[in-house]
C-alpha atoms as a PDB file:
ATOM      1  CA  UNK A   1      21.517  11.062   5.686  1.00  0.00           C
ATOM      2  CA  UNK A   2      19.148  10.891   2.726  1.00  0.00           C
ATOM      3  CA  UNK A   3      16.104   8.663   2.235  1.00  0.00           C
ATOM      4  CA  UNK A   4      15.107   7.711  -1.317  1.00  0.00           C
ATOM      5  CA  UNK A   5      11.387   7.213  -1.930  1.00  0.00           C
ATOM      6  CA  UNK A   6      10.204   5.239  -4.967  1.00  0.00           C
ATOM      7  CA  UNK A   7       6.568   5.298  -6.066  1.00  0.00           C
ATOM      8  CA  UNK A   8       6.615   8.877  -4.847  1.00  0.00           C
ATOM      9  CA  UNK A   9       3.715  10.164  -6.947  1.00  0.00           C
ATOM     10  CA  UNK A  10       1.239   7.447  -5.931  1.00  0.00           C
ATOM     11  CA  UNK A  11      -1.297   7.337  -3.121  1.00  0.00           C
ATOM     12  CA  UNK A  12       1.097   5.907  -0.539  1.00  0.00           C
ATOM     13  CA  UNK A  13       4.361   7.379  -1.808  1.00  0.00           C
ATOM     14  CA  UNK A  14       3.176  10.981  -1.814  1.00  0.00           C
ATOM     15  CA  UNK A  15       2.105  10.720   1.798  1.00  0.00           C
ATOM     16  CA  UNK A  16       5.345   8.990   2.799  1.00  0.00           C
ATOM     17  CA  UNK A  17       7.261  11.932   1.325  1.00  0.00           C
ATOM     18  CA  UNK A  18       5.102  14.439   3.215  1.00  0.00           C
ATOM     19  CA  UNK A  19       5.442  12.511   6.472  1.00  0.00           C
ATOM     20  CA  UNK A  20       9.226  12.363   6.114  1.00  0.00           C
ATOM     21  CA  UNK A  21       9.515  16.060   5.303  1.00  0.00           C
ATOM     22  CA  UNK A  22       7.320  16.945   8.276  1.00  0.00           C
ATOM     23  CA  UNK A  23       9.716  14.961  10.463  1.00  0.00           C
ATOM     24  CA  UNK A  24      12.751  16.811   9.166  1.00  0.00           C
ATOM     25  CA  UNK A  25      14.243  14.049   7.029  1.00  0.00           C
ATOM     26  CA  UNK A  26      16.339  14.649   3.934  1.00  0.00           C
ATOM     27  CA  UNK A  27      14.278  13.169   1.102  1.00  0.00           C
ATOM     28  CA  UNK A  28      15.021  12.287  -2.501  1.00  0.00           C
ATOM     29  CA  UNK A  29      12.334  11.005  -4.846  1.00  0.00           C
ATOM     30  CA  UNK A  30      12.611   9.042  -8.070  1.00  0.00           C
ATOM     31  CA  UNK A  31      10.077   9.964 -10.742  1.00  0.00           C
ATOM     32  CA  UNK A  32       9.792   9.503 -14.504  1.00  0.00           C
ATOM     33  CA  UNK A  33       8.696  13.083 -15.156  1.00  0.00           C
ATOM     34  CA  UNK A  34       9.820  15.680 -12.599  1.00  0.00           C
ATOM     35  CA  UNK A  35       7.972  18.427 -14.496  1.00  0.00           C
ATOM     36  CA  UNK A  36       4.620  16.836 -13.606  1.00  0.00           C
ATOM     37  CA  UNK A  37       5.445  16.000 -10.003  1.00  0.00           C
ATOM     38  CA  UNK A  38       4.817  18.349  -7.091  1.00  0.00           C
ATOM     39  CA  UNK A  39       6.735  17.821  -3.872  1.00  0.00           C
ATOM     40  CA  UNK A  40       7.337  19.893  -0.726  1.00  0.00           C
ATOM     41  CA  UNK A  41      10.170  22.413  -0.731  1.00  0.00           C
ATOM     42  CA  UNK A  42      13.545  20.868  -0.068  1.00  0.00           C
ATOM     43  CA  UNK A  43      12.803  17.486  -1.663  1.00  0.00           C
ATOM     44  CA  UNK A  44      15.542  16.409  -4.084  1.00  0.00           C
ATOM     45  CA  UNK A  45      14.022  15.116  -7.329  1.00  0.00           C
ATOM     46  CA  UNK A  46      15.816  12.495  -9.420  1.00  0.00           C
ATOM     47  CA  UNK A  47      14.540  11.609 -12.876  1.00  0.00           C
ATOM     48  CA  UNK A  48      14.332   7.952 -13.850  1.00  0.00           C
ATOM     49  CA  UNK A  49      12.572   4.655 -13.250  1.00  0.00           C
ATOM     50  CA  UNK A  50      13.276   1.276 -11.703  1.00  0.00           C
ATOM     51  CA  UNK A  51      14.371  -0.338 -14.971  1.00  0.00           C
ATOM     52  CA  UNK A  52      16.787   2.442 -15.957  1.00  0.00           C
ATOM     53  CA  UNK A  53      20.084   1.296 -14.442  1.00  0.00           C
ATOM     54  CA  UNK A  54      21.939   4.568 -15.008  1.00  0.00           C
ATOM     55  CA  UNK A  55      19.172   6.645 -13.441  1.00  0.00           C
ATOM     56  CA  UNK A  56      18.994   4.258 -10.485  1.00  0.00           C
ATOM     57  CA  UNK A  57      22.703   4.505  -9.860  1.00  0.00           C
ATOM     58  CA  UNK A  58      22.474   8.285 -10.021  1.00  0.00           C
ATOM     59  CA  UNK A  59      19.464   8.382  -7.682  1.00  0.00           C
ATOM     60  CA  UNK A  60      21.176   6.140  -5.107  1.00  0.00           C
ATOM     61  CA  UNK A  61      24.298   8.317  -4.893  1.00  0.00           C
ATOM     62  CA  UNK A  62      24.562   9.587  -1.317  1.00  0.00           C
ATOM     63  CA  UNK A  63      21.423   7.750  -0.169  1.00  0.00           C
ATOM     64  CA  UNK A  64      21.410   5.949   3.187  1.00  0.00           C
ATOM     65  CA  UNK A  65      17.932   4.360   3.243  1.00  0.00           C
ATOM     66  CA  UNK A  66      15.300   3.259   0.722  1.00  0.00           C
ATOM     67  CA  UNK A  67      11.519   3.143   0.641  1.00  0.00           C
ATOM     68  CA  UNK A  68      10.678   0.593  -2.025  1.00  0.00           C
ATOM     69  CA  UNK A  69       7.182   0.601  -3.502  1.00  0.00           C
ATOM     70  CA  UNK A  70       6.494  -1.250  -6.745  1.00  0.00           C
ATOM     71  CA  UNK A  71       3.291  -0.758  -8.695  1.00  0.00           C
ATOM     72  CA  UNK A  72       1.385  -3.839  -9.866  1.00  0.00           C
ATOM     73  CA  UNK A  73       2.780  -4.185 -13.385  1.00  0.00           C
ATOM     74  CA  UNK A  74       3.891  -6.980 -15.709  1.00  0.00           C
ATOM     75  CA  UNK A  75       7.522  -6.432 -14.693  1.00  0.00           C
ATOM     76  CA  UNK A  76       7.028  -5.704 -10.993  1.00  0.00           C
ATOM     77  CA  UNK A  77       9.351  -8.516  -9.870  1.00  0.00           C
ATOM     78  CA  UNK A  78      12.138  -7.438 -12.204  1.00  0.00           C
ATOM     79  CA  UNK A  79      11.819  -3.861 -10.958  1.00  0.00           C
ATOM     80  CA  UNK A  80      12.080  -4.967  -7.325  1.00  0.00           C
ATOM     81  CA  UNK A  81      15.082  -7.240  -7.825  1.00  0.00           C
ATOM     82  CA  UNK A  82      17.013  -4.751  -9.947  1.00  0.00           C
ATOM     83  CA  UNK A  83      16.354  -1.929  -7.487  1.00  0.00           C
ATOM     84  CA  UNK A  84      17.536  -3.991  -4.532  1.00  0.00           C
ATOM     85  CA  UNK A  85      20.640  -5.125  -6.412  1.00  0.00           C
ATOM     86  CA  UNK A  86      21.541  -1.540  -7.324  1.00  0.00           C
ATOM     87  CA  UNK A  87      20.860  -0.485  -3.734  1.00  0.00           C
ATOM     88  CA  UNK A  88      23.236  -3.171  -2.496  1.00  0.00           C
ATOM     89  CA  UNK A  89      25.828  -2.078  -5.086  1.00  0.00           C
ATOM     90  CA  UNK A  90      25.519   1.490  -3.736  1.00  0.00           C
ATOM     91  CA  UNK A  91      26.098   0.303  -0.172  1.00  0.00           C
ATOM     92  CA  UNK A  92      22.511   0.850   0.985  1.00  0.00           C
ATOM     93  CA  UNK A  93      21.401  -1.658   3.596  1.00  0.00           C
ATOM     94  CA  UNK A  94      18.416   0.013   5.265  1.00  0.00           C
ATOM     95  CA  UNK A  95      15.083  -0.554   3.539  1.00  0.00           C
ATOM     96  CA  UNK A  96      11.386  -0.223   4.200  1.00  0.00           C
ATOM     97  CA  UNK A  97       9.517  -2.384   1.706  1.00  0.00           C
ATOM     98  CA  UNK A  98       5.800  -2.154   0.951  1.00  0.00           C
ATOM     99  CA  UNK A  99       4.621  -5.743   0.617  1.00  0.00           C
ATOM    100  CA  UNK A 100       1.098  -7.080   1.142  1.00  0.00           C
ATOM    101  CA  UNK A 101      -0.821  -8.894   3.872  1.00  0.00           C
ATOM    102  CA  UNK A 102      -0.289 -12.681   3.798  1.00  0.00           C
ATOM    103  CA  UNK A 103       2.249 -12.386   0.979  1.00  0.00           C
ATOM    104  CA  UNK A 104       3.672 -15.769   1.969  1.00  0.00           C
ATOM    105  CA  UNK A 105       0.310 -17.533   1.763  1.00  0.00           C
ATOM    106  CA  UNK A 106      -1.619 -16.146  -1.225  1.00  0.00           C
ATOM    107  CA  UNK A 107       0.993 -17.454  -3.661  1.00  0.00           C
ATOM    108  CA  UNK A 108      -1.458 -17.920  -6.547  1.00  0.00           C
ATOM    109  CA  UNK A 109      -2.097 -14.157  -6.702  1.00  0.00           C
ATOM    110  CA  UNK A 110       0.715 -12.767  -8.894  1.00  0.00           C
ATOM    111  CA  UNK A 111       1.512  -9.549  -7.061  1.00  0.00           C
ATOM    112  CA  UNK A 112       1.370 -11.318  -3.675  1.00  0.00           C
ATOM    113  CA  UNK A 113       3.864 -13.914  -4.924  1.00  0.00           C
ATOM    114  CA  UNK A 114       6.076 -11.179  -6.381  1.00  0.00           C
ATOM    115  CA  UNK A 115       6.187  -9.307  -3.095  1.00  0.00           C
ATOM    116  CA  UNK A 116       6.999 -12.448  -1.165  1.00  0.00           C
ATOM    117  CA  UNK A 117       9.887 -13.040  -3.584  1.00  0.00           C
ATOM    118  CA  UNK A 118      11.237  -9.571  -2.840  1.00  0.00           C
ATOM    119  CA  UNK A 119      10.830 -10.233   0.904  1.00  0.00           C
ATOM    120  CA  UNK A 120      12.999 -13.329   0.528  1.00  0.00           C
ATOM    121  CA  UNK A 121      15.656 -11.333  -1.306  1.00  0.00           C
ATOM    122  CA  UNK A 122      15.733  -8.781   1.504  1.00  0.00           C
ATOM    123  CA  UNK A 123      16.234 -11.589   3.998  1.00  0.00           C
ATOM    124  CA  UNK A 124      18.757 -13.626   2.018  1.00  0.00           C
ATOM    125  CA  UNK A 125      20.887 -10.602   1.110  1.00  0.00           C
ATOM    126  CA  UNK A 126      20.970  -9.451   4.742  1.00  0.00           C
ATOM    127  CA  UNK A 127      19.323  -6.064   4.331  1.00  0.00           C
ATOM    128  CA  UNK A 128      18.213  -4.255   7.461  1.00  0.00           C
ATOM    129  CA  UNK A 129      14.543  -4.114   6.499  1.00  0.00           C
ATOM    130  CA  UNK A 130      11.100  -3.336   7.750  1.00  0.00           C
ATOM    131  CA  UNK A 131       8.598  -5.257   5.666  1.00  0.00           C
ATOM    132  CA  UNK A 132       5.178  -3.624   5.749  1.00  0.00           C
ATOM    133  CA  UNK A 133       2.274  -5.934   4.943  1.00  0.00           C
ATOM    134  CA  UNK A 134      -0.867  -3.819   4.535  1.00  0.00           C
ATOM    135  CA  UNK A 135      -4.314  -5.333   4.223  1.00  0.00           C
ATOM    136  CA  UNK A 136      -6.917  -4.096   1.704  1.00  0.00           C
ATOM    137  CA  UNK A 137      -6.649  -0.332   1.151  1.00  0.00           C
ATOM    138  CA  UNK A 138      -9.790   1.497   2.238  1.00  0.00           C
ATOM    139  CA  UNK A 139      -8.957   4.044  -0.465  1.00  0.00           C
ATOM    140  CA  UNK A 140      -9.616   1.406  -3.147  1.00  0.00           C
ATOM    141  CA  UNK A 141     -13.281   2.167  -2.592  1.00  0.00           C
ATOM    142  CA  UNK A 142     -12.825   5.326  -4.656  1.00  0.00           C
ATOM    143  CA  UNK A 143     -13.053   3.036  -7.708  1.00  0.00           C
ATOM    144  CA  UNK A 144     -16.513   1.753  -6.764  1.00  0.00           C
ATOM    145  CA  UNK A 145     -18.084   4.790  -5.109  1.00  0.00           C
ATOM    146  CA  UNK A 146     -20.363   5.507  -8.086  1.00  0.00           C
ATOM    147  CA  UNK A 147     -21.828   2.009  -7.864  1.00  0.00           C
ATOM    148  CA  UNK A 148     -22.493   2.488  -4.155  1.00  0.00           C
ATOM    149  CA  UNK A 149     -23.988   5.971  -4.547  1.00  0.00           C
ATOM    150  CA  UNK A 150     -25.997   5.378  -7.733  1.00  0.00           C
ATOM    151  CA  UNK A 151     -27.092   1.754  -7.392  1.00  0.00           C
ATOM    152  CA  UNK A 152     -27.044   1.179  -3.615  1.00  0.00           C
ATOM    153  CA  UNK A 153     -24.848  -1.888  -4.000  1.00  0.00           C
ATOM    154  CA  UNK A 154     -21.487  -2.598  -2.418  1.00  0.00           C
ATOM    155  CA  UNK A 155     -19.888  -4.576  -5.284  1.00  0.00           C
ATOM    156  CA  UNK A 156     -16.532  -5.724  -3.904  1.00  0.00           C
ATOM    157  CA  UNK A 157     -16.634  -9.520  -3.342  1.00  0.00           C
ATOM    158  CA  UNK A 158     -14.816  -9.534  -0.005  1.00  0.00           C
ATOM    159  CA  UNK A 159     -16.704 -12.414   1.586  1.00  0.00           C
ATOM    160  CA  UNK A 160     -17.724 -13.248   5.125  1.00  0.00           C
ATOM    161  CA  UNK A 161     -14.374 -14.139   6.728  1.00  0.00           C
ATOM    162  CA  UNK A 162     -13.489 -10.503   7.357  1.00  0.00           C
ATOM    163  CA  UNK A 163     -10.905  -7.980   6.145  1.00  0.00           C
ATOM    164  CA  UNK A 164      -9.093  -5.488   8.366  1.00  0.00           C
ATOM    165  CA  UNK A 165      -9.196  -2.646   5.838  1.00  0.00           C
ATOM    166  CA  UNK A 166      -6.501  -0.023   6.321  1.00  0.00           C
ATOM    167  CA  UNK A 167      -6.294   3.687   5.585  1.00  0.00           C
ATOM    168  CA  UNK A 168      -3.422   4.819   3.337  1.00  0.00           C
ATOM    169  CA  UNK A 169      -2.591   7.564   5.829  1.00  0.00           C
ATOM    170  CA  UNK A 170      -1.789   4.945   8.456  1.00  0.00           C
ATOM    171  CA  UNK A 171       0.386   2.975   6.028  1.00  0.00           C
ATOM    172  CA  UNK A 172       2.365   6.077   5.043  1.00  0.00           C
ATOM    173  CA  UNK A 173       2.927   7.278   8.586  1.00  0.00           C
ATOM    174  CA  UNK A 174       4.144   3.894   9.796  1.00  0.00           C
ATOM    175  CA  UNK A 175       6.463   3.752   6.768  1.00  0.00           C
ATOM    176  CA  UNK A 176       7.926   7.175   7.565  1.00  0.00           C
ATOM    177  CA  UNK A 177       8.440   6.316  11.231  1.00  0.00           C
ATOM    178  CA  UNK A 178      10.208   3.088  10.305  1.00  0.00           C
ATOM    179  CA  UNK A 179      12.370   4.787   7.678  1.00  0.00           C
ATOM    180  CA  UNK A 180      13.603   7.370  10.144  1.00  0.00           C
ATOM    181  CA  UNK A 181      14.107   4.762  12.872  1.00  0.00           C
ATOM    182  CA  UNK A 182      16.301   2.661  10.605  1.00  0.00           C
ATOM    183  CA  UNK A 183      18.060   5.612   8.962  1.00  0.00           C
ATOM    184  CA  UNK A 184      19.107   7.133  12.291  1.00  0.00           C
ATOM    185  CA  UNK A 185      20.034   3.895  14.075  1.00  0.00           C
ATOM    186  CA  UNK A 186      23.759   3.732  14.878  1.00  0.00           C
ATOM    187  CA  UNK A 187      23.901   0.120  13.690  1.00  0.00           C
ATOM    188  CA  UNK A 188      21.904  -2.209  11.450  1.00  0.00           C
ATOM    189  CA  UNK A 189      18.613  -3.238  12.998  1.00  0.00           C
ATOM    190  CA  UNK A 190      17.159  -6.738  12.624  1.00  0.00           C
ATOM    191  CA  UNK A 191      14.538  -7.271   9.925  1.00  0.00           C
ATOM    192  CA  UNK A 192      10.935  -6.974  11.086  1.00  0.00           C
ATOM    193  CA  UNK A 193       7.558  -7.675   9.509  1.00  0.00           C
ATOM    194  CA  UNK A 194       4.664  -5.373  10.440  1.00  0.00           C
ATOM    195  CA  UNK A 195       1.089  -6.173   9.473  1.00  0.00           C
ATOM    196  CA  UNK A 196      -0.671  -2.905   8.651  1.00  0.00           C
ATOM    197  CA  UNK A 197      -4.347  -3.361   9.458  1.00  0.00           C
ATOM    198  CA  UNK A 198      -7.377  -1.309  10.325  1.00  0.00           C
ATOM    199  CA  UNK A 199      -9.140  -1.297  13.693  1.00  0.00           C
ATOM    200  CA  UNK A 200     -12.158  -3.277  12.422  1.00  0.00           C
ATOM    201  CA  UNK A 201     -12.363  -6.609  10.616  1.00  0.00           C
ATOM    202  CA  UNK A 202     -15.267  -6.214   8.203  1.00  0.00           C
ATOM    203  CA  UNK A 203     -17.277  -8.575   6.007  1.00  0.00           C
ATOM    204  CA  UNK A 204     -19.102  -7.626   2.830  1.00  0.00           C
ATOM    205  CA  UNK A 205     -22.348  -7.381   4.793  1.00  0.00           C
ATOM    206  CA  UNK A 206     -20.653  -5.245   7.469  1.00  0.00           C
ATOM    207  CA  UNK A 207     -19.433  -2.767   4.860  1.00  0.00           C
ATOM    208  CA  UNK A 208     -22.860  -2.597   3.204  1.00  0.00           C
ATOM    209  CA  UNK A 209     -24.387  -1.871   6.638  1.00  0.00           C
ATOM    210  CA  UNK A 210     -21.919   0.989   7.194  1.00  0.00           C
ATOM    211  CA  UNK A 211     -22.838   2.515   3.847  1.00  0.00           C
ATOM    212  CA  UNK A 212     -26.537   2.080   4.644  1.00  0.00           C
ATOM    213  CA  UNK A 213     -26.080   4.024   7.862  1.00  0.00           C
ATOM    214  CA  UNK A 214     -23.923   6.735   6.266  1.00  0.00           C
ATOM    215  CA  UNK A 215     -26.234   7.264   3.273  1.00  0.00           C
ATOM    216  CA  UNK A 216     -29.498   6.841   5.150  1.00  0.00           C
ATOM    217  CA  UNK A 217     -30.813   4.184   2.768  1.00  0.00           C
ATOM    218  CA  UNK A 218     -30.329   0.477   2.273  1.00  0.00           C
ATOM    219  CA  UNK A 219     -27.133  -0.580   0.527  1.00  0.00           C
ATOM    220  CA  UNK A 220     -26.916  -4.274  -0.333  1.00  0.00           C
ATOM    221  CA  UNK A 221     -23.846  -6.455  -0.547  1.00  0.00           C
ATOM    222  CA  UNK A 222     -23.343  -7.697  -4.113  1.00  0.00           C
ATOM    223  CA  UNK A 223     -22.231 -11.177  -3.082  1.00  0.00           C
ATOM    224  CA  UNK A 224     -19.116 -13.323  -3.189  1.00  0.00           C
ATOM    225  CA  UNK A 225     -19.022 -14.299  -6.880  1.00  0.00           C
ATOM    226  CA  UNK A 226     -16.005 -12.511  -8.442  1.00  0.00           C
ATOM    227  CA  UNK A 227     -16.963 -13.103 -12.091  1.00  0.00           C
ATOM    228  CA  UNK A 228     -18.905  -9.842 -12.511  1.00  0.00           C
ATOM    229  CA  UNK A 229     -16.199  -8.003 -10.612  1.00  0.00           C
ATOM    230  CA  UNK A 230     -13.574  -9.264 -13.060  1.00  0.00           C
ATOM    231  CA  UNK A 231     -15.776  -8.330 -16.021  1.00  0.00           C
ATOM    232  CA  UNK A 232     -16.276  -4.791 -14.715  1.00  0.00           C
ATOM    233  CA  UNK A 233     -12.583  -4.314 -13.936  1.00  0.00           C
ATOM    234  CA  UNK A 234     -11.705  -5.397 -17.479  1.00  0.00           C
ATOM    235  CA  UNK A 235     -13.625  -2.428 -18.880  1.00  0.00           C
ATOM    236  CA  UNK A 236     -11.008   0.051 -17.628  1.00  0.00           C
ATOM    237  CA  UNK A 237      -7.840  -1.974 -16.975  1.00  0.00           C
ATOM    238  CA  UNK A 238      -5.874  -4.672 -18.834  1.00  0.00           C
ATOM    239  CA  UNK A 239      -7.534  -8.083 -18.784  1.00  0.00           C
ATOM    240  CA  UNK A 240      -4.579  -9.677 -17.033  1.00  0.00           C
ATOM    241  CA  UNK A 241      -4.906  -7.096 -14.253  1.00  0.00           C
ATOM    242  CA  UNK A 242      -8.656  -7.689 -13.964  1.00  0.00           C
ATOM    243  CA  UNK A 243      -8.005 -11.433 -13.714  1.00  0.00           C
ATOM    244  CA  UNK A 244      -5.407 -10.842 -11.019  1.00  0.00           C
ATOM    245  CA  UNK A 245      -7.939  -8.738  -9.111  1.00  0.00           C
ATOM    246  CA  UNK A 246     -10.356 -11.659  -9.387  1.00  0.00           C
ATOM    247  CA  UNK A 247      -7.772 -14.036  -7.920  1.00  0.00           C
ATOM    248  CA  UNK A 248      -7.237 -11.597  -5.063  1.00  0.00           C
ATOM    249  CA  UNK A 249     -10.980 -11.351  -4.440  1.00  0.00           C
ATOM    250  CA  UNK A 250     -11.219 -15.136  -4.342  1.00  0.00           C
ATOM    251  CA  UNK A 251      -8.624 -15.107  -1.554  1.00  0.00           C
ATOM    252  CA  UNK A 252     -10.698 -12.543   0.325  1.00  0.00           C
ATOM    253  CA  UNK A 253     -13.663 -14.914   0.152  1.00  0.00           C
ATOM    254  CA  UNK A 254     -11.776 -18.066   1.132  1.00  0.00           C
ATOM    255  CA  UNK A 255      -9.360 -16.649   3.716  1.00  0.00           C
ATOM    256  CA  UNK A 256     -10.177 -13.020   4.456  1.00  0.00           C
ATOM    257  CA  UNK A 257      -7.474 -10.694   5.778  1.00  0.00           C
ATOM    258  CA  UNK A 258      -7.702 -11.288   9.488  1.00  0.00           C
ATOM    259  CA  UNK A 259      -5.157  -9.570  11.749  1.00  0.00           C
ATOM    260  CA  UNK A 260      -3.117 -11.497  14.225  1.00  0.00           C
ATOM    261  CA  UNK A 261      -3.478 -10.866  17.925  1.00  0.00           C
ATOM    262  CA  UNK A 262      -1.820  -7.581  18.807  1.00  0.00           C
ATOM    263  CA  UNK A 263      -1.474  -6.212  15.245  1.00  0.00           C
ATOM    264  CA  UNK A 264      -3.762  -3.209  15.730  1.00  0.00           C
ATOM    265  CA  UNK A 265      -2.373  -2.486  19.199  1.00  0.00           C
ATOM    266  CA  UNK A 266       1.177  -2.504  17.835  1.00  0.00           C
ATOM    267  CA  UNK A 267       0.240   0.039  15.165  1.00  0.00           C
ATOM    268  CA  UNK A 268      -1.516   2.267  17.684  1.00  0.00           C
ATOM    269  CA  UNK A 269       1.630   2.239  19.808  1.00  0.00           C
ATOM    270  CA  UNK A 270       3.858   3.096  16.802  1.00  0.00           C
ATOM    271  CA  UNK A 271       1.583   5.936  15.683  1.00  0.00           C
ATOM    272  CA  UNK A 272       0.674   7.219  19.115  1.00  0.00           C
ATOM    273  CA  UNK A 273      -2.949   7.631  18.018  1.00  0.00           C
ATOM    274  CA  UNK A 274      -5.987   5.551  17.014  1.00  0.00           C
ATOM    275  CA  UNK A 275      -6.149   3.991  13.568  1.00  0.00           C
ATOM    276  CA  UNK A 276      -8.451   5.505  10.967  1.00  0.00           C
ATOM    277  CA  UNK A 277     -11.714   3.613  10.500  1.00  0.00           C
ATOM    278  CA  UNK A 278     -13.718   2.573   7.462  1.00  0.00           C
ATOM    279  CA  UNK A 279     -16.730   4.437   8.834  1.00  0.00           C
ATOM    280  CA  UNK A 280     -14.750   7.695   8.876  1.00  0.00           C
ATOM    281  CA  UNK A 281     -13.751   7.170   5.259  1.00  0.00           C
ATOM    282  CA  UNK A 282     -17.305   6.373   4.162  1.00  0.00           C
ATOM    283  CA  UNK A 283     -18.705   9.431   5.934  1.00  0.00           C
ATOM    284  CA  UNK A 284     -16.088  11.690   4.318  1.00  0.00           C
ATOM    285  CA  UNK A 285     -16.726  10.265   0.851  1.00  0.00           C
ATOM    286  CA  UNK A 286     -20.496  10.675   1.253  1.00  0.00           C
ATOM    287  CA  UNK A 287     -20.055  14.266   2.447  1.00  0.00           C
ATOM    288  CA  UNK A 288     -17.884  15.068  -0.569  1.00  0.00           C
ATOM    289  CA  UNK A 289     -20.449  13.565  -2.925  1.00  0.00           C
ATOM    290  CA  UNK A 290     -23.245  15.576  -1.317  1.00  0.00           C
ATOM    291  CA  UNK A 291     -21.222  18.794  -1.615  1.00  0.00           C
ATOM    292  CA  UNK A 292     -20.871  18.242  -5.382  1.00  0.00           C
ATOM    293  CA  UNK A 293     -24.616  17.772  -5.911  1.00  0.00           C
END
């Protein structure tokens, strides 16, 4: 039994690979440039990408289960649909798909709508799938840490509804557990949706208060207006991506990312441990910054 991991060099994918290897799974990864990728011993490396049909067919040979992670790109939907079609062609039915929290509701945000489309394909084509719907990644804060540290402002416009921010380590471990559960099941399991959330539902003011405590000085929340956020994002990413990030931020402000009753408890039961907290992340990031000074 072999599990194929896509997106294997990214923040989530790398940790999924490590989690699977640590659990004794046979793992194959798909990567554009194997010479630049570093994986644990024993991992089978296939060269290619999700729009290269020949490389996909080669990568799927002998595979029993798939972890599908698509980056936010212009052709994300095409990548997802082609990959699932080639998986079906190869006889692969067992999939863990990385979607996004409230994918079925935030339909005006392009990558949310894309992921919901892929969810529907998994359902309509009768895959045996676990659909993971993570909330806002705590690790995204790496992009704004300099603003927090240097200007004492938390700039993400996340609003006052609340967001159950989640640690990438928790996402990856749940993914690995689900992949092995499906891969080793004697028969196809029914499709399930799992919301991946953090233990705390935080507002912009809550997050600023955490940073104030961690840094020992006042950190202010930058407010709910996403226009400056979009402008700043556009300085280091394509304008369409910055605009998409703005649309996502607007959904944070209007709706938040609020877990359903029992979401966090379900994750704790799956993992057999507590979920990582935002405060832990902030304290670690601050300690690393202090060590560099």
